[in-house]
Amino acid sequence: MKLPLFLGILLLMAVITAPFCTREHIQDLSGVCFESKVLPVFQSNCTQSGCHNSQDREAGYDFTTYESIVKHGIQPGDYRKSDVYRVMVTVAGRMPPAPYNRLSDAQLTNVAQWINDGALNTTCVDTMTCNNTDTKYSTAVKPILDTYCNGCHGTTSGSGNISYATFSGVKATVSDGTLLKSIEHTGGISPMPQNGNKLSDCNISIIKGWIDAGAPNN
């Protein structure tokens, strides 16, 4: 997202008016995994074209990798003193800016807890068998899209003229084959998530199973 040039002033105002401009997003959730819970928040919501990716580096910020994220306004052990977090929760001038969606409470909580835990580059070891038997749109597919895709495509004017704000927008990319090709990184389609890691084999299999079932709105 494009950070305004007056970011320093904005952050000072945020500190002074914190009780009125921010919300607390911290719970007893120690052990938040950076790789699966935090990195997708930055990659999906902050690295669109012209924003904080490794090419454009708007205002000098790059939020595509752990190494580049922790360089920019992260104070390990104290989310309240972390400039990036303050901008995320500030009412005026918040990031990501409109028309992009505000981060959800769950996303903000994960970022805050990760910072308080020391902002470590944690990688999760999934010891559970992939549950790809649930391929319902509402319970399995949409949560994946919300996490990895809707930072760019979650509004009516989504990036690349692709909008996942409604089911019909998602179904359109199923019908023309772009959704599956983009997440599988095949068929000459731009790989998605843009500037992010490829979806796990489990998540891809869930989406593919839903598509193979006719992509119902269930």
N, C-alpha and C. Protein backbone atom coordinates (compact mmCIF):
# COMPACT_ATOMS: atom_id res chain seq x y z
N MET A 1 0.84 -1.18 0.00
CA MET A 1 0.00 0.00 0.00
C MET A 1 0.87 1.23 0.00
N LYS A 2 0.43 2.30 -0.56
CA LYS A 2 1.21 3.51 -0.61
C LYS A 2 1.14 4.23 0.73
N LEU A 3 2.30 4.36 1.37
CA LEU A 3 2.35 5.07 2.63
C LEU A 3 2.49 6.55 2.34
N PRO A 4 1.67 7.41 2.96
CA PRO A 4 1.75 8.84 2.72
C PRO A 4 3.09 9.39 3.17
N LEU A 5 3.50 10.47 2.52
CA LEU A 5 4.78 11.06 2.84
C LEU A 5 4.81 11.59 4.27
N PHE A 6 3.63 11.92 4.78
CA PHE A 6 3.60 12.44 6.14
C PHE A 6 3.40 11.33 7.16
N LEU A 7 3.96 10.15 6.87
CA LEU A 7 3.80 8.99 7.75
C LEU A 7 4.26 9.30 9.17
N GLY A 8 5.38 10.01 9.30
CA GLY A 8 5.87 10.31 10.63
C GLY A 8 4.88 11.10 11.45
N ILE A 9 4.26 12.11 10.82
CA ILE A 9 3.26 12.91 11.52
C ILE A 9 2.06 12.06 11.86
N LEU A 10 1.65 11.24 10.92
CA LEU A 10 0.50 10.37 11.14
C LEU A 10 0.72 9.44 12.31
N LEU A 11 1.91 8.87 12.39
CA LEU A 11 2.19 7.94 13.47
C LEU A 11 2.23 8.66 14.81
N LEU A 12 2.76 9.89 14.83
CA LEU A 12 2.76 10.66 16.07
C LEU A 12 1.35 10.94 16.53
N MET A 13 0.47 11.30 15.59
CA MET A 13 -0.93 11.55 15.92
C MET A 13 -1.58 10.28 16.44
N ALA A 14 -1.20 9.15 15.85
CA ALA A 14 -1.78 7.87 16.27
C ALA A 14 -1.43 7.56 17.71
N VAL A 15 -0.17 7.88 18.09
CA VAL A 15 0.26 7.63 19.46
C VAL A 15 -0.50 8.53 20.43
N ILE A 16 -0.61 9.84 20.07
CA ILE A 16 -1.25 10.80 20.95
C ILE A 16 -2.71 10.47 21.17
N THR A 17 -3.38 10.02 20.09
CA THR A 17 -4.82 9.77 20.16
C THR A 17 -5.13 8.30 20.18
N ALA A 18 -4.18 7.48 20.62
CA ALA A 18 -4.33 6.03 20.54
C ALA A 18 -5.63 5.51 21.12
N PRO A 19 -6.10 5.97 22.28
CA PRO A 19 -7.34 5.43 22.83
C PRO A 19 -8.54 5.65 21.93
N PHE A 20 -8.45 6.65 21.03
CA PHE A 20 -9.60 6.99 20.21
C PHE A 20 -9.46 6.45 18.79
N CYS A 21 -8.23 6.15 18.37
CA CYS A 21 -8.00 5.82 16.97
C CYS A 21 -7.64 4.36 16.72
N THR A 22 -7.34 3.61 17.76
CA THR A 22 -6.92 2.24 17.55
C THR A 22 -7.74 1.29 18.40
N ARG A 23 -7.64 0.02 18.05
CA ARG A 23 -8.27 -1.01 18.83
C ARG A 23 -7.20 -2.00 19.28
N GLU A 24 -7.41 -2.61 20.42
CA GLU A 24 -6.47 -3.61 20.90
C GLU A 24 -6.71 -4.92 20.17
N HIS A 25 -5.63 -5.54 19.73
CA HIS A 25 -5.73 -6.84 19.06
C HIS A 25 -4.65 -7.75 19.60
N ILE A 26 -4.82 -8.14 20.84
CA ILE A 26 -3.84 -9.02 21.46
C ILE A 26 -4.59 -10.01 22.34
N GLN A 27 -4.27 -11.26 22.21
CA GLN A 27 -4.89 -12.30 23.00
C GLN A 27 -3.81 -13.29 23.43
N ASP A 28 -4.20 -14.27 24.22
CA ASP A 28 -3.24 -15.28 24.65
C ASP A 28 -3.11 -16.32 23.55
N LEU A 29 -2.42 -15.93 22.49
CA LEU A 29 -2.27 -16.80 21.33
C LEU A 29 -0.80 -17.02 21.01
N SER A 30 0.03 -17.15 22.03
CA SER A 30 1.46 -17.31 21.81
C SER A 30 1.71 -18.51 20.91
N GLY A 31 2.70 -18.35 20.05
CA GLY A 31 3.03 -19.41 19.11
C GLY A 31 2.43 -19.21 17.74
N VAL A 32 2.01 -17.98 17.42
CA VAL A 32 1.49 -17.69 16.08
C VAL A 32 2.60 -17.93 15.06
N CYS A 33 2.30 -18.73 14.06
CA CYS A 33 3.30 -19.09 13.06
C CYS A 33 3.44 -17.99 12.01
N PHE A 34 4.65 -17.49 11.83
CA PHE A 34 4.87 -16.44 10.84
C PHE A 34 4.53 -16.91 9.44
N GLU A 35 5.01 -18.09 9.07
CA GLU A 35 4.86 -18.56 7.69
C GLU A 35 3.41 -18.68 7.26
N SER A 36 2.55 -19.22 8.12
CA SER A 36 1.18 -19.50 7.71
C SER A 36 0.17 -18.45 8.15
N LYS A 37 0.47 -17.68 9.21
CA LYS A 37 -0.52 -16.74 9.75
C LYS A 37 -0.18 -15.27 9.54
N VAL A 38 1.10 -14.96 9.39
CA VAL A 38 1.51 -13.55 9.31
C VAL A 38 1.99 -13.17 7.91
N LEU A 39 2.88 -13.97 7.34
CA LEU A 39 3.40 -13.65 6.01
C LEU A 39 2.29 -13.47 4.97
N PRO A 40 1.26 -14.33 4.94
CA PRO A 40 0.18 -14.11 3.97
C PRO A 40 -0.56 -12.79 4.14
N VAL A 41 -0.62 -12.28 5.38
CA VAL A 41 -1.28 -10.99 5.61
C VAL A 41 -0.52 -9.89 4.87
N PHE A 42 0.80 -9.89 4.99
CA PHE A 42 1.60 -8.87 4.31
C PHE A 42 1.61 -9.08 2.80
N GLN A 43 1.80 -10.31 2.37
CA GLN A 43 1.91 -10.56 0.93
C GLN A 43 0.61 -10.29 0.20
N SER A 44 -0.52 -10.61 0.82
CA SER A 44 -1.80 -10.43 0.16
C SER A 44 -2.30 -9.00 0.22
N ASN A 45 -1.96 -8.27 1.27
CA ASN A 45 -2.56 -6.96 1.49
C ASN A 45 -1.63 -5.77 1.25
N CYS A 46 -0.34 -6.02 1.10
CA CYS A 46 0.61 -4.91 1.05
C CYS A 46 1.50 -4.89 -0.19
N THR A 47 1.47 -5.92 -1.02
CA THR A 47 2.46 -6.03 -2.09
C THR A 47 1.87 -5.92 -3.49
N GLN A 48 0.68 -5.30 -3.61
CA GLN A 48 0.10 -5.13 -4.93
C GLN A 48 1.01 -4.27 -5.82
N SER A 49 0.70 -4.25 -7.09
CA SER A 49 1.48 -3.45 -8.04
C SER A 49 1.50 -1.99 -7.60
N GLY A 50 2.68 -1.42 -7.57
CA GLY A 50 2.83 -0.03 -7.17
C GLY A 50 2.97 0.16 -5.68
N CYS A 51 2.95 -0.93 -4.93
CA CYS A 51 3.00 -0.82 -3.47
C CYS A 51 4.30 -1.39 -2.91
N HIS A 52 4.22 -2.18 -1.86
CA HIS A 52 5.41 -2.55 -1.11
C HIS A 52 5.95 -3.92 -1.49
N ASN A 53 6.17 -4.12 -2.78
CA ASN A 53 6.78 -5.35 -3.27
C ASN A 53 8.26 -5.11 -3.56
N SER A 54 8.96 -6.16 -3.95
CA SER A 54 10.41 -6.05 -4.12
C SER A 54 10.81 -5.23 -5.33
N GLN A 55 9.88 -4.99 -6.27
CA GLN A 55 10.19 -4.18 -7.44
C GLN A 55 9.85 -2.70 -7.21
N ASP A 56 8.63 -2.43 -6.78
CA ASP A 56 8.19 -1.04 -6.63
C ASP A 56 8.71 -0.39 -5.35
N ARG A 57 8.73 -1.12 -4.26
CA ARG A 57 9.26 -0.64 -2.99
C ARG A 57 8.77 0.77 -2.68
N GLU A 58 7.46 0.96 -2.73
CA GLU A 58 6.86 2.26 -2.44
C GLU A 58 7.34 2.77 -1.08
N ALA A 59 7.81 4.01 -1.07
CA ALA A 59 8.34 4.66 0.14
C ALA A 59 9.49 3.87 0.77
N GLY A 60 10.12 2.99 -0.03
CA GLY A 60 11.25 2.22 0.46
C GLY A 60 10.88 0.96 1.21
N TYR A 61 9.59 0.60 1.20
CA TYR A 61 9.12 -0.55 1.96
C TYR A 61 8.94 -1.78 1.06
N ASP A 62 9.38 -2.92 1.55
CA ASP A 62 9.21 -4.20 0.86
C ASP A 62 8.68 -5.20 1.89
N PHE A 63 7.47 -5.70 1.63
CA PHE A 63 6.84 -6.63 2.58
C PHE A 63 6.65 -8.02 1.99
N THR A 64 7.60 -8.45 1.18
CA THR A 64 7.44 -9.75 0.51
C THR A 64 8.10 -10.90 1.24
N THR A 65 9.07 -10.63 2.09
CA THR A 65 9.79 -11.70 2.79
C THR A 65 9.96 -11.35 4.27
N TYR A 66 10.30 -12.33 5.06
CA TYR A 66 10.54 -12.10 6.48
C TYR A 66 11.64 -11.06 6.68
N GLU A 67 12.75 -11.24 5.95
CA GLU A 67 13.90 -10.36 6.14
C GLU A 67 13.55 -8.91 5.84
N SER A 68 12.74 -8.69 4.80
CA SER A 68 12.40 -7.32 4.45
C SER A 68 11.32 -6.74 5.37
N ILE A 69 10.44 -7.57 5.88
CA ILE A 69 9.36 -7.10 6.77
C ILE A 69 9.93 -6.60 8.09
N VAL A 70 10.83 -7.38 8.70
CA VAL A 70 11.31 -7.01 10.03
C VAL A 70 12.22 -5.79 10.01
N LYS A 71 12.62 -5.35 8.83
CA LYS A 71 13.44 -4.15 8.73
C LYS A 71 12.62 -2.87 8.89
N HIS A 72 11.31 -2.99 8.73
CA HIS A 72 10.48 -1.81 8.59
C HIS A 72 9.48 -1.66 9.75
N GLY A 73 9.90 -0.99 10.80
CA GLY A 73 8.97 -0.60 11.84
C GLY A 73 8.45 -1.72 12.71
N ILE A 74 9.21 -2.81 12.84
CA ILE A 74 8.83 -3.90 13.74
C ILE A 74 9.71 -3.84 14.98
N GLN A 75 9.09 -3.75 16.15
CA GLN A 75 9.81 -3.77 17.42
C GLN A 75 9.51 -5.09 18.12
N PRO A 76 10.36 -6.09 17.95
CA PRO A 76 10.10 -7.41 18.55
C PRO A 76 9.81 -7.30 20.04
N GLY A 77 8.71 -7.93 20.46
CA GLY A 77 8.34 -7.92 21.86
C GLY A 77 7.36 -6.84 22.25
N ASP A 78 7.10 -5.89 21.35
CA ASP A 78 6.19 -4.79 21.69
C ASP A 78 5.45 -4.31 20.45
N TYR A 79 4.28 -4.86 20.23
CA TYR A 79 3.52 -4.48 19.03
C TYR A 79 3.06 -3.03 19.08
N ARG A 80 2.87 -2.47 20.28
CA ARG A 80 2.40 -1.08 20.40
C ARG A 80 3.44 -0.08 19.89
N LYS A 81 4.71 -0.46 19.93
CA LYS A 81 5.76 0.43 19.46
C LYS A 81 6.17 0.13 18.02
N SER A 82 5.48 -0.77 17.37
CA SER A 82 5.80 -1.15 16.00
C SER A 82 5.02 -0.28 15.02
N ASP A 83 5.74 0.54 14.25
CA ASP A 83 5.10 1.51 13.37
C ASP A 83 4.16 0.85 12.37
N VAL A 84 4.57 -0.28 11.82
CA VAL A 84 3.73 -0.95 10.83
C VAL A 84 2.40 -1.35 11.44
N TYR A 85 2.42 -1.88 12.65
CA TYR A 85 1.17 -2.27 13.30
C TYR A 85 0.29 -1.06 13.59
N ARG A 86 0.89 0.03 14.03
CA ARG A 86 0.11 1.24 14.32
C ARG A 86 -0.65 1.71 13.08
N VAL A 87 0.02 1.69 11.95
CA VAL A 87 -0.63 2.12 10.71
C VAL A 87 -1.78 1.18 10.35
N MET A 88 -1.63 -0.09 10.64
CA MET A 88 -2.68 -1.05 10.32
C MET A 88 -3.96 -0.79 11.10
N VAL A 89 -3.84 -0.29 12.34
CA VAL A 89 -5.03 -0.14 13.18
C VAL A 89 -5.51 1.30 13.30
N THR A 90 -4.75 2.26 12.78
CA THR A 90 -5.16 3.65 12.85
C THR A 90 -6.38 3.89 11.98
N VAL A 91 -7.35 4.62 12.49
CA VAL A 91 -8.57 4.88 11.74
C VAL A 91 -8.29 5.79 10.55
N ALA A 92 -7.60 6.91 10.79
CA ALA A 92 -7.28 7.85 9.72
C ALA A 92 -5.96 7.43 9.06
N GLY A 93 -5.98 7.28 7.73
CA GLY A 93 -4.77 6.93 7.01
C GLY A 93 -4.34 5.50 7.20
N ARG A 94 -5.29 4.63 7.50
CA ARG A 94 -4.94 3.24 7.78
C ARG A 94 -4.41 2.54 6.54
N MET A 95 -3.67 1.47 6.79
CA MET A 95 -3.14 0.63 5.73
C MET A 95 -3.67 -0.78 5.92
N PRO A 96 -4.07 -1.45 4.85
CA PRO A 96 -4.14 -0.94 3.49
C PRO A 96 -5.24 0.11 3.33
N PRO A 97 -5.05 1.07 2.42
CA PRO A 97 -6.02 2.15 2.27
C PRO A 97 -7.23 1.71 1.46
N ALA A 98 -8.30 2.48 1.53
CA ALA A 98 -9.44 2.25 0.66
C ALA A 98 -8.97 2.41 -0.80
N PRO A 99 -9.53 1.65 -1.74
CA PRO A 99 -10.70 0.80 -1.59
C PRO A 99 -10.40 -0.61 -1.07
N TYR A 100 -9.16 -0.89 -0.74
CA TYR A 100 -8.83 -2.22 -0.21
C TYR A 100 -9.45 -2.40 1.17
N ASN A 101 -9.79 -3.63 1.49
CA ASN A 101 -10.46 -3.93 2.75
C ASN A 101 -9.52 -3.74 3.94
N ARG A 102 -10.09 -3.25 5.04
CA ARG A 102 -9.34 -3.19 6.30
C ARG A 102 -9.01 -4.61 6.74
N LEU A 103 -7.87 -4.78 7.39
CA LEU A 103 -7.51 -6.10 7.90
C LEU A 103 -8.53 -6.55 8.93
N SER A 104 -8.80 -7.83 8.97
CA SER A 104 -9.76 -8.36 9.92
C SER A 104 -9.16 -8.39 11.32
N ASP A 105 -10.03 -8.50 12.32
CA ASP A 105 -9.56 -8.61 13.70
C ASP A 105 -8.62 -9.80 13.87
N ALA A 106 -8.95 -10.91 13.21
CA ALA A 106 -8.11 -12.11 13.33
C ALA A 106 -6.72 -11.85 12.75
N GLN A 107 -6.65 -11.17 11.62
CA GLN A 107 -5.35 -10.87 11.02
C GLN A 107 -4.54 -9.93 11.90
N LEU A 108 -5.18 -8.90 12.44
CA LEU A 108 -4.49 -7.96 13.32
C LEU A 108 -3.99 -8.64 14.59
N THR A 109 -4.82 -9.53 15.13
CA THR A 109 -4.44 -10.27 16.33
C THR A 109 -3.20 -11.12 16.07
N ASN A 110 -3.17 -11.79 14.93
CA ASN A 110 -2.02 -12.63 14.61
C ASN A 110 -0.74 -11.81 14.46
N VAL A 111 -0.84 -10.66 13.78
CA VAL A 111 0.33 -9.80 13.62
C VAL A 111 0.82 -9.29 14.98
N ALA A 112 -0.12 -8.82 15.81
CA ALA A 112 0.25 -8.29 17.13
C ALA A 112 0.90 -9.36 17.99
N GLN A 113 0.31 -10.55 18.02
CA GLN A 113 0.86 -11.61 18.87
C GLN A 113 2.21 -12.07 18.37
N TRP A 114 2.36 -12.14 17.04
CA TRP A 114 3.65 -12.53 16.45
C TRP A 114 4.75 -11.54 16.87
N ILE A 115 4.44 -10.26 16.82
CA ILE A 115 5.41 -9.24 17.23
C ILE A 115 5.74 -9.41 18.71
N ASN A 116 4.71 -9.58 19.55
CA ASN A 116 4.94 -9.73 20.99
C ASN A 116 5.73 -10.98 21.32
N ASP A 117 5.62 -12.00 20.49
CA ASP A 117 6.37 -13.24 20.70
C ASP A 117 7.83 -13.11 20.27
N GLY A 118 8.19 -11.94 19.72
CA GLY A 118 9.58 -11.74 19.32
C GLY A 118 9.79 -11.57 17.84
N ALA A 119 8.69 -11.59 17.05
CA ALA A 119 8.76 -11.42 15.59
C ALA A 119 9.74 -12.40 14.96
N LEU A 120 9.60 -13.66 15.32
CA LEU A 120 10.52 -14.70 14.84
C LEU A 120 10.07 -15.26 13.49
N ASN A 121 11.03 -15.76 12.74
CA ASN A 121 10.76 -16.37 11.44
C ASN A 121 10.39 -17.83 11.65
N THR A 122 9.19 -18.06 12.16
CA THR A 122 8.77 -19.42 12.49
C THR A 122 8.11 -20.09 11.30
N THR A 123 8.44 -21.35 11.12
CA THR A 123 7.86 -22.18 10.07
C THR A 123 7.11 -23.32 10.72
N CYS A 124 5.87 -23.52 10.27
CA CYS A 124 5.04 -24.53 10.91
C CYS A 124 5.27 -25.90 10.32
N VAL A 125 5.30 -26.88 11.17
CA VAL A 125 5.37 -28.26 10.74
C VAL A 125 3.98 -28.85 10.90
N ASP A 126 3.34 -29.13 9.78
CA ASP A 126 1.97 -29.64 9.81
C ASP A 126 1.99 -31.15 9.99
N THR A 127 1.62 -31.58 11.18
CA THR A 127 1.65 -33.02 11.47
C THR A 127 0.28 -33.67 11.21
N MET A 128 -0.66 -32.86 10.76
CA MET A 128 -1.99 -33.39 10.50
C MET A 128 -2.16 -33.75 9.03
N THR A 129 -2.92 -34.78 8.77
CA THR A 129 -3.21 -35.17 7.41
C THR A 129 -4.11 -34.13 6.77
N CYS A 130 -3.83 -33.82 5.52
CA CYS A 130 -4.63 -32.82 4.82
C CYS A 130 -6.09 -33.27 4.74
N ASN A 131 -6.98 -32.42 5.22
CA ASN A 131 -8.41 -32.73 5.15
C ASN A 131 -9.00 -32.09 3.91
N ASN A 132 -8.89 -32.79 2.80
CA ASN A 132 -9.45 -32.26 1.55
C ASN A 132 -10.78 -32.91 1.22
N THR A 133 -11.40 -33.52 2.25
CA THR A 133 -12.74 -34.08 2.02
C THR A 133 -13.80 -32.98 2.10
N ASP A 134 -13.50 -31.91 2.81
CA ASP A 134 -14.41 -30.77 2.86
C ASP A 134 -14.03 -29.80 1.75
N THR A 135 -14.82 -29.77 0.71
CA THR A 135 -14.55 -28.87 -0.41
C THR A 135 -15.71 -27.89 -0.61
N LYS A 136 -16.47 -27.64 0.46
CA LYS A 136 -17.54 -26.66 0.37
C LYS A 136 -16.95 -25.27 0.19
N TYR A 137 -17.64 -24.45 -0.56
CA TYR A 137 -17.16 -23.09 -0.80
C TYR A 137 -17.09 -22.30 0.49
N SER A 138 -18.15 -22.34 1.29
CA SER A 138 -18.25 -21.47 2.47
C SER A 138 -17.26 -21.85 3.57
N THR A 139 -17.01 -23.13 3.76
CA THR A 139 -16.19 -23.58 4.88
C THR A 139 -14.75 -23.91 4.52
N ALA A 140 -14.47 -24.16 3.26
CA ALA A 140 -13.13 -24.58 2.87
C ALA A 140 -12.47 -23.67 1.84
N VAL A 141 -13.19 -23.35 0.79
CA VAL A 141 -12.59 -22.58 -0.31
C VAL A 141 -12.51 -21.09 0.01
N LYS A 142 -13.60 -20.51 0.46
CA LYS A 142 -13.60 -19.07 0.72
C LYS A 142 -12.55 -18.66 1.76
N PRO A 143 -12.38 -19.42 2.86
CA PRO A 143 -11.33 -19.04 3.80
C PRO A 143 -9.93 -19.00 3.17
N ILE A 144 -9.67 -19.89 2.22
CA ILE A 144 -8.37 -19.87 1.53
C ILE A 144 -8.25 -18.60 0.69
N LEU A 145 -9.31 -18.29 -0.05
CA LEU A 145 -9.29 -17.08 -0.88
C LEU A 145 -9.17 -15.83 -0.02
N ASP A 146 -9.86 -15.81 1.12
CA ASP A 146 -9.79 -14.65 2.01
C ASP A 146 -8.37 -14.42 2.50
N THR A 147 -7.66 -15.50 2.79
CA THR A 147 -6.31 -15.39 3.34
C THR A 147 -5.27 -15.02 2.30
N TYR A 148 -5.35 -15.64 1.13
CA TYR A 148 -4.26 -15.51 0.17
C TYR A 148 -4.57 -14.65 -1.05
N CYS A 149 -5.85 -14.35 -1.31
CA CYS A 149 -6.20 -13.68 -2.56
C CYS A 149 -6.93 -12.36 -2.39
N ASN A 150 -7.71 -12.23 -1.33
CA ASN A 150 -8.64 -11.11 -1.25
C ASN A 150 -8.02 -9.79 -0.81
N GLY A 151 -6.74 -9.81 -0.43
CA GLY A 151 -6.06 -8.55 -0.23
C GLY A 151 -6.01 -7.76 -1.52
N CYS A 152 -5.87 -8.46 -2.63
CA CYS A 152 -5.86 -7.83 -3.96
C CYS A 152 -7.22 -7.84 -4.62
N HIS A 153 -7.96 -8.95 -4.46
CA HIS A 153 -9.17 -9.16 -5.25
C HIS A 153 -10.46 -9.12 -4.44
N GLY A 154 -10.39 -8.63 -3.21
CA GLY A 154 -11.57 -8.68 -2.34
C GLY A 154 -12.52 -7.51 -2.46
N THR A 155 -12.26 -6.59 -3.39
CA THR A 155 -13.16 -5.45 -3.59
C THR A 155 -13.79 -5.52 -4.96
N THR A 156 -14.80 -4.69 -5.19
CA THR A 156 -15.48 -4.69 -6.49
C THR A 156 -14.56 -4.21 -7.60
N SER A 157 -13.51 -3.49 -7.24
CA SER A 157 -12.53 -3.03 -8.24
C SER A 157 -11.20 -3.72 -7.99
N GLY A 158 -11.24 -5.05 -7.91
CA GLY A 158 -10.05 -5.81 -7.59
C GLY A 158 -8.94 -5.67 -8.60
N SER A 159 -7.72 -5.98 -8.18
CA SER A 159 -6.56 -5.89 -9.06
C SER A 159 -6.76 -6.75 -10.30
N GLY A 160 -6.31 -6.24 -11.44
CA GLY A 160 -6.42 -6.98 -12.69
C GLY A 160 -7.84 -7.19 -13.14
N ASN A 161 -8.75 -6.34 -12.65
CA ASN A 161 -10.18 -6.47 -12.98
C ASN A 161 -10.76 -7.81 -12.55
N ILE A 162 -10.15 -8.41 -11.54
CA ILE A 162 -10.66 -9.66 -10.97
C ILE A 162 -11.16 -9.36 -9.57
N SER A 163 -12.44 -9.58 -9.35
CA SER A 163 -13.05 -9.27 -8.05
C SER A 163 -13.61 -10.54 -7.42
N TYR A 164 -13.18 -10.79 -6.19
CA TYR A 164 -13.72 -11.89 -5.40
C TYR A 164 -14.63 -11.38 -4.30
N ALA A 165 -15.14 -10.15 -4.48
CA ALA A 165 -16.05 -9.58 -3.50
C ALA A 165 -17.37 -10.34 -3.46
N THR A 166 -17.71 -11.00 -4.54
CA THR A 166 -18.94 -11.79 -4.61
C THR A 166 -18.61 -13.18 -5.16
N PHE A 167 -19.52 -14.11 -4.92
CA PHE A 167 -19.31 -15.47 -5.44
C PHE A 167 -19.25 -15.47 -6.96
N SER A 168 -20.06 -14.65 -7.60
CA SER A 168 -20.08 -14.63 -9.06
C SER A 168 -18.72 -14.25 -9.63
N GLY A 169 -17.99 -13.38 -8.93
CA GLY A 169 -16.65 -13.02 -9.39
C GLY A 169 -15.69 -14.19 -9.31
N VAL A 170 -15.81 -14.97 -8.24
CA VAL A 170 -14.98 -16.17 -8.11
C VAL A 170 -15.34 -17.17 -9.20
N LYS A 171 -16.64 -17.37 -9.40
CA LYS A 171 -17.10 -18.37 -10.37
C LYS A 171 -16.63 -18.01 -11.79
N ALA A 172 -16.54 -16.73 -12.08
CA ALA A 172 -16.08 -16.32 -13.41
C ALA A 172 -14.66 -16.80 -13.68
N THR A 173 -13.80 -16.79 -12.66
CA THR A 173 -12.43 -17.25 -12.87
C THR A 173 -12.32 -18.76 -12.84
N VAL A 174 -13.37 -19.42 -12.34
CA VAL A 174 -13.43 -20.87 -12.47
C VAL A 174 -13.83 -21.24 -13.89
N SER A 175 -14.82 -20.53 -14.41
CA SER A 175 -15.34 -20.83 -15.74
C SER A 175 -14.30 -20.62 -16.83
N ASP A 176 -13.47 -19.59 -16.70
CA ASP A 176 -12.47 -19.35 -17.74
C ASP A 176 -11.13 -20.05 -17.45
N GLY A 177 -11.08 -20.77 -16.33
CA GLY A 177 -9.90 -21.57 -16.02
C GLY A 177 -8.76 -20.83 -15.35
N THR A 178 -8.91 -19.53 -15.12
CA THR A 178 -7.78 -18.76 -14.61
C THR A 178 -7.48 -19.03 -13.13
N LEU A 179 -8.50 -19.34 -12.34
CA LEU A 179 -8.26 -19.58 -10.93
C LEU A 179 -7.33 -20.77 -10.72
N LEU A 180 -7.67 -21.90 -11.30
CA LEU A 180 -6.88 -23.10 -11.09
C LEU A 180 -5.49 -22.96 -11.71
N LYS A 181 -5.42 -22.40 -12.92
CA LYS A 181 -4.12 -22.24 -13.57
C LYS A 181 -3.21 -21.31 -12.77
N SER A 182 -3.81 -20.26 -12.19
CA SER A 182 -2.99 -19.29 -11.46
C SER A 182 -2.42 -19.88 -10.17
N ILE A 183 -3.21 -20.69 -9.46
CA ILE A 183 -2.71 -21.24 -8.20
C ILE A 183 -1.81 -22.46 -8.43
N GLU A 184 -2.00 -23.13 -9.59
CA GLU A 184 -1.12 -24.26 -9.93
C GLU A 184 0.14 -23.81 -10.64
N HIS A 185 0.19 -22.52 -11.01
CA HIS A 185 1.32 -21.94 -11.74
C HIS A 185 1.54 -22.64 -13.08
N THR A 186 0.44 -22.79 -13.81
CA THR A 186 0.49 -23.45 -15.12
C THR A 186 -0.28 -22.63 -16.15
N GLY A 187 -0.13 -23.00 -17.41
CA GLY A 187 -0.98 -22.47 -18.47
C GLY A 187 -0.71 -21.04 -18.87
N GLY A 188 0.47 -20.49 -18.57
CA GLY A 188 0.79 -19.15 -19.01
C GLY A 188 0.05 -18.06 -18.26
N ILE A 189 -0.64 -18.40 -17.17
CA ILE A 189 -1.35 -17.41 -16.36
C ILE A 189 -0.40 -16.89 -15.27
N SER A 190 -0.53 -15.61 -14.93
CA SER A 190 0.31 -15.06 -13.87
C SER A 190 0.14 -15.88 -12.59
N PRO A 191 1.24 -16.35 -12.01
CA PRO A 191 1.14 -17.18 -10.80
C PRO A 191 0.60 -16.38 -9.63
N MET A 192 -0.26 -17.01 -8.89
CA MET A 192 -0.86 -16.39 -7.72
C MET A 192 -0.66 -17.28 -6.50
N PRO A 193 -0.57 -16.70 -5.31
CA PRO A 193 -0.68 -15.28 -4.98
C PRO A 193 0.50 -14.48 -5.54
N GLN A 194 0.22 -13.30 -6.03
CA GLN A 194 1.27 -12.44 -6.57
C GLN A 194 2.20 -12.03 -5.45
N ASN A 195 3.50 -12.12 -5.73
CA ASN A 195 4.54 -11.76 -4.75
C ASN A 195 4.51 -12.63 -3.49
N GLY A 196 3.78 -13.74 -3.54
CA GLY A 196 3.68 -14.61 -2.39
C GLY A 196 4.07 -16.04 -2.72
N ASN A 197 4.12 -16.87 -1.69
CA ASN A 197 4.44 -18.27 -1.89
C ASN A 197 3.28 -19.00 -2.56
N LYS A 198 3.60 -20.02 -3.30
CA LYS A 198 2.56 -20.86 -3.90
C LYS A 198 1.74 -21.50 -2.80
N LEU A 199 0.43 -21.64 -3.04
CA LEU A 199 -0.43 -22.30 -2.07
C LEU A 199 0.07 -23.72 -1.80
N SER A 200 -0.21 -24.21 -0.62
CA SER A 200 0.18 -25.57 -0.28
C SER A 200 -0.56 -26.57 -1.16
N ASP A 201 0.01 -27.76 -1.29
CA ASP A 201 -0.65 -28.81 -2.06
C ASP A 201 -2.03 -29.10 -1.50
N CYS A 202 -2.17 -29.01 -0.17
CA CYS A 202 -3.46 -29.27 0.46
C CYS A 202 -4.48 -28.25 0.03
N ASN A 203 -4.13 -26.96 0.09
CA ASN A 203 -5.09 -25.92 -0.29
C ASN A 203 -5.46 -26.01 -1.77
N ILE A 204 -4.48 -26.32 -2.60
CA ILE A 204 -4.76 -26.47 -4.03
C ILE A 204 -5.72 -27.64 -4.26
N SER A 205 -5.50 -28.74 -3.53
CA SER A 205 -6.37 -29.90 -3.71
C SER A 205 -7.80 -29.61 -3.26
N ILE A 206 -7.96 -28.78 -2.24
CA ILE A 206 -9.30 -28.40 -1.78
C ILE A 206 -10.02 -27.59 -2.86
N ILE A 207 -9.33 -26.60 -3.41
CA ILE A 207 -9.94 -25.77 -4.46
C ILE A 207 -10.23 -26.61 -5.69
N LYS A 208 -9.31 -27.48 -6.06
CA LYS A 208 -9.52 -28.33 -7.23
C LYS A 208 -10.70 -29.27 -7.01
N GLY A 209 -10.83 -29.82 -5.80
CA GLY A 209 -11.95 -30.70 -5.52
C GLY A 209 -13.29 -29.98 -5.63
N TRP A 210 -13.30 -28.73 -5.18
CA TRP A 210 -14.52 -27.91 -5.29
C TRP A 210 -14.85 -27.64 -6.76
N ILE A 211 -13.82 -27.31 -7.54
CA ILE A 211 -14.05 -27.06 -8.96
C ILE A 211 -14.52 -28.32 -9.66
N ASP A 212 -13.92 -29.46 -9.36
CA ASP A 212 -14.30 -30.73 -9.98
C ASP A 212 -15.74 -31.11 -9.64
N ALA A 213 -16.23 -30.59 -8.50
CA ALA A 213 -17.61 -30.87 -8.09
C ALA A 213 -18.60 -29.92 -8.74
N GLY A 214 -18.10 -29.03 -9.60
CA GLY A 214 -18.97 -28.09 -10.27
C GLY A 214 -18.93 -26.69 -9.71
N ALA A 215 -18.03 -26.45 -8.75
CA ALA A 215 -17.88 -25.12 -8.11
C ALA A 215 -19.21 -24.57 -7.61
N PRO A 216 -19.91 -25.33 -6.75
CA PRO A 216 -21.21 -24.85 -6.26
C PRO A 216 -21.06 -23.77 -5.19
N ASN A 217 -22.06 -22.94 -5.05
CA ASN A 217 -22.09 -21.91 -4.02
C ASN A 217 -22.73 -22.53 -2.78
N ASN A 218 -21.95 -23.37 -2.11
CA ASN A 218 -22.51 -24.12 -0.96
C ASN A 218 -21.82 -23.75 0.33
